[in-house]
Amino acid sequence: MLKLKRGDIWLIATLLLVGFLWLGLRELKEQNQVYDPGDFNAVITVDGQLYKKVPLSGDDEEIEIKTEFGHNILKKFNGGIQMIFADCPKKISMAMGFISRPNQTIICVPNRIYVEIVGNASQQSGGDEVDVYAR
């Protein structure tokens, strides 16, 4: 039987505290970040191929996707997008809900549909910022 000593308990408690603190600060930072939906697009891919790129700004829109894999309907509204119909058996993609922030995704595996929120090309370029240093 494994017996924990006082130092082991302190180490475990410290690591747990640091981990929860890091996750809490990360969540707080993400919640306080303000996004402009006009700066983002929903990129829809079907079977790994680009199907459509939809700007999240503008009027409400329904995007119908009929392929050999299945039938899905996405609805763009309020600066985001949501899967409102999927003919796959478990309908997990519909449970993923409304997405409107960068890097959020909706995935329908049986119908091979992947939707991701990304920034515009001008925003992603970063301007004069340094991305990588190489020797």
Protein backbone atom coordinates (compact mmCIF):
# COMPACT_ATOMS: atom_id res chain seq x y z
CA MET A 1 0.00 0.00 0.00
CA LEU A 2 1.28 3.45 -0.94
CA LYS A 3 1.66 5.82 1.98
CA LEU A 4 1.71 9.56 1.32
CA LYS A 5 3.99 11.77 3.36
CA ARG A 6 3.35 15.36 4.33
CA GLY A 7 5.61 16.66 1.52
CA ASP A 8 3.73 14.57 -1.07
CA ILE A 9 0.41 16.05 0.01
CA TRP A 10 1.82 19.60 -0.14
CA LEU A 11 3.21 18.97 -3.62
CA ILE A 12 -0.10 17.58 -4.91
CA ALA A 13 -2.06 20.45 -3.34
CA THR A 14 0.32 23.06 -4.80
CA LEU A 15 0.12 21.55 -8.30
CA LEU A 16 -3.68 21.41 -8.13
CA LEU A 17 -3.86 25.01 -6.91
CA VAL A 18 -1.56 26.27 -9.67
CA GLY A 19 -3.53 24.31 -12.29
CA PHE A 20 -6.91 25.64 -11.18
CA LEU A 21 -5.52 29.18 -10.90
CA TRP A 22 -4.16 28.99 -14.46
CA LEU A 23 -7.47 27.66 -15.82
CA GLY A 24 -9.43 30.32 -13.93
CA LEU A 25 -7.27 33.17 -15.23
CA ARG A 26 -7.51 31.82 -18.77
CA GLU A 27 -11.30 31.60 -18.56
CA LEU A 28 -11.54 35.09 -17.05
CA LYS A 29 -9.37 36.53 -19.83
CA GLU A 30 -11.50 34.85 -22.50
CA GLN A 31 -14.76 36.09 -20.97
CA ASN A 32 -13.55 39.69 -20.77
CA GLN A 33 -12.31 39.75 -24.36
CA VAL A 34 -14.56 41.76 -26.69
CA TYR A 35 -15.06 40.53 -30.24
CA ASP A 36 -16.53 42.33 -33.22
CA PRO A 37 -18.53 39.84 -35.30
CA GLY A 38 -17.72 41.84 -38.43
CA ASP A 39 -14.12 40.69 -38.07
CA PHE A 40 -14.92 36.97 -38.30
CA ASN A 41 -15.99 34.39 -40.86
CA ALA A 42 -17.42 30.91 -40.53
CA VAL A 43 -15.42 28.54 -42.71
CA ILE A 44 -17.47 25.49 -43.71
CA THR A 45 -15.67 22.44 -45.04
CA VAL A 46 -17.23 19.22 -46.32
CA ASP A 47 -15.04 16.11 -46.52
CA GLY A 48 -11.94 18.27 -46.12
CA GLN A 49 -12.79 20.60 -49.02
CA LEU A 50 -13.83 24.24 -48.62
CA TYR A 51 -17.60 24.48 -49.09
CA LYS A 52 -18.30 28.10 -48.21
CA LYS A 53 -16.87 31.03 -46.26
CA VAL A 54 -19.62 33.03 -44.54
CA PRO A 55 -19.02 36.46 -42.95
CA LEU A 56 -20.71 36.59 -39.54
CA SER A 57 -21.81 40.20 -40.00
CA GLY A 58 -24.89 41.11 -41.99
CA ASP A 59 -28.37 39.68 -42.30
CA ASP A 60 -29.58 36.36 -40.94
CA GLU A 61 -29.01 33.50 -43.35
CA GLU A 62 -29.67 29.78 -43.58
CA ILE A 63 -27.02 27.68 -45.29
CA GLU A 64 -28.29 24.36 -46.60
CA ILE A 65 -25.67 21.67 -47.18
CA LYS A 66 -26.78 18.66 -49.22
CA THR A 67 -24.05 16.18 -50.07
CA GLU A 68 -23.68 12.47 -50.70
CA PHE A 69 -22.94 12.15 -46.96
CA GLY A 70 -26.12 13.80 -45.67
CA HIS A 71 -28.19 16.93 -45.23
CA ASN A 72 -27.46 19.76 -42.77
CA ILE A 73 -28.73 23.30 -42.25
CA LEU A 74 -26.69 26.03 -40.56
CA LYS A 75 -28.21 29.31 -39.42
CA LYS A 76 -26.17 32.52 -39.25
CA PHE A 77 -27.59 35.09 -36.81
CA ASN A 78 -26.53 37.53 -34.07
CA GLY A 79 -22.88 37.47 -35.19
CA GLY A 80 -22.52 33.70 -34.97
CA ILE A 81 -23.64 30.41 -36.47
CA GLN A 82 -25.49 27.30 -35.28
CA MET A 83 -26.40 23.90 -36.71
CA ILE A 84 -30.22 23.78 -36.72
CA PHE A 85 -30.75 20.54 -38.67
CA ALA A 86 -28.70 17.39 -39.19
CA ASP A 87 -29.96 14.10 -40.55
CA CYS A 88 -27.26 12.06 -38.80
CA PRO A 89 -28.39 9.53 -36.14
CA LYS A 90 -27.22 11.13 -32.88
CA LYS A 91 -27.44 14.81 -33.90
CA ILE A 92 -24.41 15.73 -31.76
CA SER A 93 -23.58 18.66 -34.03
CA MET A 94 -26.90 20.28 -33.14
CA ALA A 95 -26.04 20.00 -29.43
CA MET A 96 -22.78 21.93 -29.97
CA GLY A 97 -24.87 25.10 -29.95
CA PHE A 98 -24.24 28.64 -31.11
CA ILE A 99 -20.63 29.61 -31.89
CA SER A 100 -19.37 33.17 -32.35
CA ARG A 101 -15.79 33.35 -31.04
CA PRO A 102 -12.53 32.53 -32.82
CA ASN A 103 -11.49 28.86 -32.93
CA GLN A 104 -14.90 27.57 -31.86
CA THR A 105 -16.10 24.67 -33.99
CA ILE A 106 -19.12 22.60 -34.95
CA ILE A 107 -18.38 19.11 -36.24
CA CYS A 108 -20.78 16.61 -37.83
CA VAL A 109 -18.69 13.46 -38.25
CA PRO A 110 -21.18 11.24 -40.16
CA ASN A 111 -21.85 14.01 -42.70
CA ARG A 112 -18.17 15.10 -42.73
CA ILE A 113 -18.96 18.76 -42.01
CA TYR A 114 -16.58 21.02 -40.09
CA VAL A 115 -17.44 24.64 -39.25
CA GLU A 116 -14.85 26.93 -37.64
CA ILE A 117 -14.87 30.62 -36.72
CA VAL A 118 -11.77 32.39 -38.06
CA GLY A 119 -10.60 35.99 -38.39
CA ASN A 120 -10.40 37.87 -41.67
CA ALA A 121 -7.13 37.62 -43.60
CA SER A 122 -6.23 41.23 -42.79
CA GLN A 123 -6.64 40.54 -39.07
CA GLN A 124 -4.69 37.27 -39.19
CA SER A 125 -1.69 38.76 -40.99
CA GLY A 126 -0.65 40.55 -37.78
CA GLY A 127 0.95 43.52 -39.51
CA ASP A 128 4.44 44.23 -38.19
CA GLU A 129 4.38 41.63 -35.42
CA VAL A 130 7.05 38.93 -35.36
CA ASP A 131 5.73 35.38 -35.61
CA VAL A 132 8.92 33.29 -35.60
CA TYR A 133 12.64 33.69 -35.14
CA ALA A 134 14.82 31.30 -37.16
CA ARG A 135 18.55 30.77 -37.29
